[in-house]
Amino acid sequence: MPKLFILTLGKCQSRSFTAACKMLGLRSQQYPDDLEKAIETCDVIAGVELSDKYKELSKKFPSAKFLLLTREDKDWIDSFEQHDLRIKKAPKQDKIKRIRKGIFAQEKFNREVWLREKTKLENQANRFFKNKPERFLQLDPFTMNSDEKWETLINFVEPKLLEKRPLEQEFPEIK
């Protein structure tokens, strides 16, 4: 089973997709404290910090798959702004600042910069994987129902996982 890297800039249901992967029996971790250890030991790794590492990870893991979760710009930036107000009191401020500086080249939230970097990530990832559709999928989970999410995830990662799908269970929706 190939590794799955879930790329996101946040607020795009990566927690839900990570939980779904766990329900399918995959060793999955979201925003690991030790990214290198998680990459070596997990089947599925999700997090903002992967968004600037997909080229290097693609070379290191030539059979790995990459799922880029995104959403409509206005909804994403509005959600991120609300999230930013809540996390100012989060215990991992140093990690948050380091990730933001790496991805957005600054620590403080800025609508224009964040939107520009989101568009840049989407465009660059699509170009990089242009001739490798079996390894890359970009999707907006906010436009999909529960069955579509399950079907898309399983068909992309490994169709054999269909037998492990919890029947009658909705796709996890974790905020």
C-alpha atoms as a PDB file:
ATOM      1  CA  MET A   1       0.000   0.000   0.000  1.00  0.00           C
ATOM      2  CA  PRO A   2       1.558   3.320  -1.018  1.00  0.00           C
ATOM      3  CA  LYS A   3       1.914   6.176   1.445  1.00  0.00           C
ATOM      4  CA  LEU A   4      -0.644   8.946   1.249  1.00  0.00           C
ATOM      5  CA  PHE A   5       0.364  12.519   1.948  1.00  0.00           C
ATOM      6  CA  ILE A   6      -2.567  14.859   2.542  1.00  0.00           C
ATOM      7  CA  LEU A   7      -1.563  18.380   1.548  1.00  0.00           C
ATOM      8  CA  THR A   8      -3.517  21.283   2.946  1.00  0.00           C
ATOM      9  CA  LEU A   9      -3.133  24.832   4.107  1.00  0.00           C
ATOM     10  CA  GLY A  10      -5.696  24.160   6.801  1.00  0.00           C
ATOM     11  CA  LYS A  11      -9.469  24.435   7.141  1.00  0.00           C
ATOM     12  CA  CYS A  12     -10.120  21.904   4.322  1.00  0.00           C
ATOM     13  CA  GLN A  13     -11.233  18.791   6.282  1.00  0.00           C
ATOM     14  CA  SER A  14      -7.831  17.152   6.574  1.00  0.00           C
ATOM     15  CA  ARG A  15      -8.770  15.966  10.082  1.00  0.00           C
ATOM     16  CA  SER A  16     -11.846  14.295   8.633  1.00  0.00           C
ATOM     17  CA  PHE A  17      -9.834  12.582   5.898  1.00  0.00           C
ATOM     18  CA  THR A  18      -7.205  11.444   8.413  1.00  0.00           C
ATOM     19  CA  ALA A  19      -9.963   9.994  10.626  1.00  0.00           C
ATOM     20  CA  ALA A  20     -11.496   8.232   7.610  1.00  0.00           C
ATOM     21  CA  CYS A  21      -8.123   6.669   6.806  1.00  0.00           C
ATOM     22  CA  LYS A  22      -7.879   5.397  10.395  1.00  0.00           C
ATOM     23  CA  MET A  23     -11.348   3.870  10.002  1.00  0.00           C
ATOM     24  CA  LEU A  24      -9.981   2.009   6.964  1.00  0.00           C
ATOM     25  CA  GLY A  25      -7.206   0.552   9.113  1.00  0.00           C
ATOM     26  CA  LEU A  26      -4.411   2.830   7.900  1.00  0.00           C
ATOM     27  CA  ARG A  27      -1.827   4.186  10.320  1.00  0.00           C
ATOM     28  CA  SER A  28      -2.649   7.875  10.060  1.00  0.00           C
ATOM     29  CA  GLN A  29      -1.414  11.015  11.739  1.00  0.00           C
ATOM     30  CA  GLN A  30      -2.390  14.659  11.417  1.00  0.00           C
ATOM     31  CA  TYR A  31       0.079  17.441  12.255  1.00  0.00           C
ATOM     32  CA  PRO A  32       2.648  15.122  13.866  1.00  0.00           C
ATOM     33  CA  ASP A  33       5.083  16.585  16.380  1.00  0.00           C
ATOM     34  CA  ASP A  34       7.872  14.516  14.806  1.00  0.00           C
ATOM     35  CA  LEU A  35       7.230  14.757  11.071  1.00  0.00           C
ATOM     36  CA  GLU A  36      10.190  12.601  10.031  1.00  0.00           C
ATOM     37  CA  LYS A  37       9.175   9.776  12.371  1.00  0.00           C
ATOM     38  CA  ALA A  38       5.565   9.960  11.156  1.00  0.00           C
ATOM     39  CA  ILE A  39       6.693   9.819   7.528  1.00  0.00           C
ATOM     40  CA  GLU A  40       8.668   6.653   8.249  1.00  0.00           C
ATOM     41  CA  THR A  41       6.044   4.899  10.402  1.00  0.00           C
ATOM     42  CA  CYS A  42       2.624   5.967   9.088  1.00  0.00           C
ATOM     43  CA  ASP A  43       0.643   5.102   5.966  1.00  0.00           C
ATOM     44  CA  VAL A  44      -1.080   8.496   5.914  1.00  0.00           C
ATOM     45  CA  ILE A  45       0.331  11.831   7.021  1.00  0.00           C
ATOM     46  CA  ALA A  46      -1.597  15.091   6.847  1.00  0.00           C
ATOM     47  CA  GLY A  47      -0.631  18.626   7.614  1.00  0.00           C
ATOM     48  CA  VAL A  48       0.201  22.116   6.537  1.00  0.00           C
ATOM     49  CA  GLU A  49       3.923  21.436   6.935  1.00  0.00           C
ATOM     50  CA  LEU A  50       3.769  18.934   4.043  1.00  0.00           C
ATOM     51  CA  SER A  51       2.607  21.582   1.595  1.00  0.00           C
ATOM     52  CA  ASP A  52       6.108  22.771   0.833  1.00  0.00           C
ATOM     53  CA  LYS A  53       7.641  19.276   0.883  1.00  0.00           C
ATOM     54  CA  TYR A  54       5.635  17.391  -1.751  1.00  0.00           C
ATOM     55  CA  LYS A  55       8.383  17.518  -4.411  1.00  0.00           C
ATOM     56  CA  GLU A  56      11.000  16.094  -2.073  1.00  0.00           C
ATOM     57  CA  LEU A  57       8.539  13.485  -0.717  1.00  0.00           C
ATOM     58  CA  SER A  58       7.551  12.486  -4.240  1.00  0.00           C
ATOM     59  CA  LYS A  59      11.183  11.678  -5.038  1.00  0.00           C
ATOM     60  CA  LYS A  60      11.822   9.895  -1.745  1.00  0.00           C
ATOM     61  CA  PHE A  61       8.612   7.830  -2.055  1.00  0.00           C
ATOM     62  CA  PRO A  62       8.080   7.209  -5.797  1.00  0.00           C
ATOM     63  CA  SER A  63       4.882   5.214  -5.269  1.00  0.00           C
ATOM     64  CA  ALA A  64       3.345   7.661  -2.763  1.00  0.00           C
ATOM     65  CA  LYS A  65       0.090   9.423  -3.489  1.00  0.00           C
ATOM     66  CA  PHE A  66      -0.719  13.043  -2.767  1.00  0.00           C
ATOM     67  CA  LEU A  67      -4.174  14.364  -1.957  1.00  0.00           C
ATOM     68  CA  LEU A  68      -4.498  18.154  -2.030  1.00  0.00           C
ATOM     69  CA  LEU A  69      -7.537  19.307  -0.075  1.00  0.00           C
ATOM     70  CA  THR A  70      -8.786  22.746  -0.953  1.00  0.00           C
ATOM     71  CA  ARG A  71     -11.961  24.789  -1.001  1.00  0.00           C
ATOM     72  CA  GLU A  72     -13.410  27.915  -2.575  1.00  0.00           C
ATOM     73  CA  ASP A  73     -11.174  30.909  -1.842  1.00  0.00           C
ATOM     74  CA  LYS A  74     -13.643  33.114   0.024  1.00  0.00           C
ATOM     75  CA  ASP A  75     -14.919  30.284   2.234  1.00  0.00           C
ATOM     76  CA  TRP A  76     -11.355  29.175   2.957  1.00  0.00           C
ATOM     77  CA  ILE A  77      -9.987  32.593   3.866  1.00  0.00           C
ATOM     78  CA  ASP A  78     -13.027  33.460   6.009  1.00  0.00           C
ATOM     79  CA  SER A  79     -12.694  30.146   7.857  1.00  0.00           C
ATOM     80  CA  PHE A  80      -8.963  30.628   8.287  1.00  0.00           C
ATOM     81  CA  GLU A  81      -9.489  34.124   9.676  1.00  0.00           C
ATOM     82  CA  GLN A  82     -11.892  32.769  12.314  1.00  0.00           C
ATOM     83  CA  HIS A  83      -9.445  29.967  13.078  1.00  0.00           C
ATOM     84  CA  ASP A  84      -6.623  32.472  13.456  1.00  0.00           C
ATOM     85  CA  LEU A  85      -8.586  34.361  16.113  1.00  0.00           C
ATOM     86  CA  ARG A  86      -9.108  31.125  18.078  1.00  0.00           C
ATOM     87  CA  ILE A  87      -5.542  29.774  17.947  1.00  0.00           C
ATOM     88  CA  LYS A  88      -3.854  32.833  19.402  1.00  0.00           C
ATOM     89  CA  LYS A  89      -4.133  31.062  22.755  1.00  0.00           C
ATOM     90  CA  ALA A  90      -3.076  27.628  21.452  1.00  0.00           C
ATOM     91  CA  PRO A  91      -0.292  25.871  23.375  1.00  0.00           C
ATOM     92  CA  LYS A  92       1.882  25.203  20.298  1.00  0.00           C
ATOM     93  CA  GLN A  93       2.450  28.807  19.243  1.00  0.00           C
ATOM     94  CA  ASP A  94       6.117  28.266  18.373  1.00  0.00           C
ATOM     95  CA  LYS A  95       5.265  25.405  16.010  1.00  0.00           C
ATOM     96  CA  ILE A  96       2.418  27.395  14.446  1.00  0.00           C
ATOM     97  CA  LYS A  97       4.694  30.391  13.873  1.00  0.00           C
ATOM     98  CA  ARG A  98       7.441  28.205  12.377  1.00  0.00           C
ATOM     99  CA  ILE A  99       5.014  26.523   9.957  1.00  0.00           C
ATOM    100  CA  ARG A 100       3.448  29.828   8.960  1.00  0.00           C
ATOM    101  CA  LYS A 101       6.833  31.372   8.343  1.00  0.00           C
ATOM    102  CA  GLY A 102       7.795  28.393   6.160  1.00  0.00           C
ATOM    103  CA  ILE A 103       4.587  28.335   4.121  1.00  0.00           C
ATOM    104  CA  PHE A 104       3.470  31.962   4.083  1.00  0.00           C
ATOM    105  CA  ALA A 105       6.843  33.690   4.729  1.00  0.00           C
ATOM    106  CA  GLN A 106       5.328  35.455   7.748  1.00  0.00           C
ATOM    107  CA  GLU A 107       3.821  34.552  11.104  1.00  0.00           C
ATOM    108  CA  LYS A 108       0.800  36.849  11.211  1.00  0.00           C
ATOM    109  CA  PHE A 109      -2.402  36.192   9.305  1.00  0.00           C
ATOM    110  CA  ASN A 110      -2.792  38.263   6.146  1.00  0.00           C
ATOM    111  CA  ARG A 111      -5.725  37.620   3.789  1.00  0.00           C
ATOM    112  CA  GLU A 112      -3.913  38.668   0.614  1.00  0.00           C
ATOM    113  CA  VAL A 113      -0.739  36.722   1.360  1.00  0.00           C
ATOM    114  CA  TRP A 114      -2.624  33.610   2.474  1.00  0.00           C
ATOM    115  CA  LEU A 115      -4.823  33.612  -0.665  1.00  0.00           C
ATOM    116  CA  ARG A 116      -1.812  34.177  -2.904  1.00  0.00           C
ATOM    117  CA  GLU A 117       0.040  31.253  -1.303  1.00  0.00           C
ATOM    118  CA  LYS A 118      -3.041  29.009  -1.565  1.00  0.00           C
ATOM    119  CA  THR A 119      -3.310  29.710  -5.293  1.00  0.00           C
ATOM    120  CA  LYS A 120       0.432  29.236  -5.701  1.00  0.00           C
ATOM    121  CA  LEU A 121       0.364  25.843  -3.940  1.00  0.00           C
ATOM    122  CA  GLU A 122      -2.583  24.639  -6.016  1.00  0.00           C
ATOM    123  CA  ASN A 123      -1.001  25.752  -9.304  1.00  0.00           C
ATOM    124  CA  GLN A 124       2.473  24.421  -8.519  1.00  0.00           C
ATOM    125  CA  ALA A 125       1.243  21.051  -7.252  1.00  0.00           C
ATOM    126  CA  ASN A 126      -0.993  20.596 -10.300  1.00  0.00           C
ATOM    127  CA  ARG A 127       1.918  21.427 -12.617  1.00  0.00           C
ATOM    128  CA  PHE A 128       4.318  19.140 -10.754  1.00  0.00           C
ATOM    129  CA  PHE A 129       1.943  16.158 -10.917  1.00  0.00           C
ATOM    130  CA  LYS A 130       0.495  17.032 -14.352  1.00  0.00           C
ATOM    131  CA  ASN A 131       1.592  13.770 -15.991  1.00  0.00           C
ATOM    132  CA  LYS A 132       1.034  11.652 -12.869  1.00  0.00           C
ATOM    133  CA  PRO A 133      -2.730  11.606 -12.277  1.00  0.00           C
ATOM    134  CA  GLU A 134      -2.457   8.224 -10.544  1.00  0.00           C
ATOM    135  CA  ARG A 135      -0.343   9.905  -7.839  1.00  0.00           C
ATOM    136  CA  PHE A 136      -2.172  13.214  -7.349  1.00  0.00           C
ATOM    137  CA  LEU A 137      -5.713  14.324  -6.685  1.00  0.00           C
ATOM    138  CA  GLN A 138      -6.972  17.779  -5.799  1.00  0.00           C
ATOM    139  CA  LEU A 139     -10.453  17.968  -4.403  1.00  0.00           C
ATOM    140  CA  ASP A 140     -12.802  20.270  -2.602  1.00  0.00           C
ATOM    141  CA  PRO A 141     -14.530  18.120   0.033  1.00  0.00           C
ATOM    142  CA  PHE A 142     -17.059  20.885   0.709  1.00  0.00           C
ATOM    143  CA  THR A 143     -18.699  20.097  -2.632  1.00  0.00           C
ATOM    144  CA  MET A 144     -19.088  16.374  -1.862  1.00  0.00           C
ATOM    145  CA  ASN A 145     -21.500  14.279   0.150  1.00  0.00           C
ATOM    146  CA  SER A 146     -20.390  11.513   2.523  1.00  0.00           C
ATOM    147  CA  ASP A 147     -20.597   8.674  -0.040  1.00  0.00           C
ATOM    148  CA  GLU A 148     -18.663  10.712  -2.618  1.00  0.00           C
ATOM    149  CA  LYS A 149     -15.895  11.367  -0.094  1.00  0.00           C
ATOM    150  CA  TRP A 150     -15.623   7.669   0.798  1.00  0.00           C
ATOM    151  CA  GLU A 151     -15.664   6.593  -2.837  1.00  0.00           C
ATOM    152  CA  THR A 152     -13.120   9.193  -3.951  1.00  0.00           C
ATOM    153  CA  LEU A 153     -10.737   8.483  -1.081  1.00  0.00           C
ATOM    154  CA  ILE A 154     -10.859   4.705  -1.464  1.00  0.00           C
ATOM    155  CA  ASN A 155     -10.578   4.701  -5.253  1.00  0.00           C
ATOM    156  CA  PHE A 156      -7.623   7.062  -5.139  1.00  0.00           C
ATOM    157  CA  VAL A 157      -5.693   5.436  -2.293  1.00  0.00           C
ATOM    158  CA  GLU A 158      -6.393   1.748  -2.872  1.00  0.00           C
ATOM    159  CA  PRO A 159      -9.624   0.247  -4.258  1.00  0.00           C
ATOM    160  CA  LYS A 160      -9.050  -2.920  -2.170  1.00  0.00           C
ATOM    161  CA  LEU A 161      -9.824  -0.806   0.900  1.00  0.00           C
ATOM    162  CA  LEU A 162     -13.488  -0.848  -0.141  1.00  0.00           C
ATOM    163  CA  GLU A 163     -13.983  -4.037   1.874  1.00  0.00           C
ATOM    164  CA  LYS A 164     -12.793  -2.171   4.989  1.00  0.00           C
ATOM    165  CA  ARG A 165     -15.192   0.743   4.581  1.00  0.00           C
ATOM    166  CA  PRO A 166     -17.518   0.890   7.567  1.00  0.00           C
ATOM    167  CA  LEU A 167     -20.882   0.336   5.895  1.00  0.00           C
ATOM    168  CA  GLU A 168     -23.703   2.627   6.917  1.00  0.00           C
ATOM    169  CA  GLN A 169     -21.200   4.991   8.550  1.00  0.00           C
ATOM    170  CA  GLU A 170     -21.013   8.583   7.424  1.00  0.00           C
ATOM    171  CA  PHE A 171     -17.694  10.073   6.440  1.00  0.00           C
ATOM    172  CA  PRO A 172     -16.245  11.673   9.585  1.00  0.00           C
ATOM    173  CA  GLU A 173     -16.863  15.405   9.898  1.00  0.00           C
ATOM    174  CA  ILE A 174     -14.321  16.784  12.356  1.00  0.00           C
ATOM    175  CA  LYS A 175     -14.064  20.510  12.887  1.00  0.00           C
END
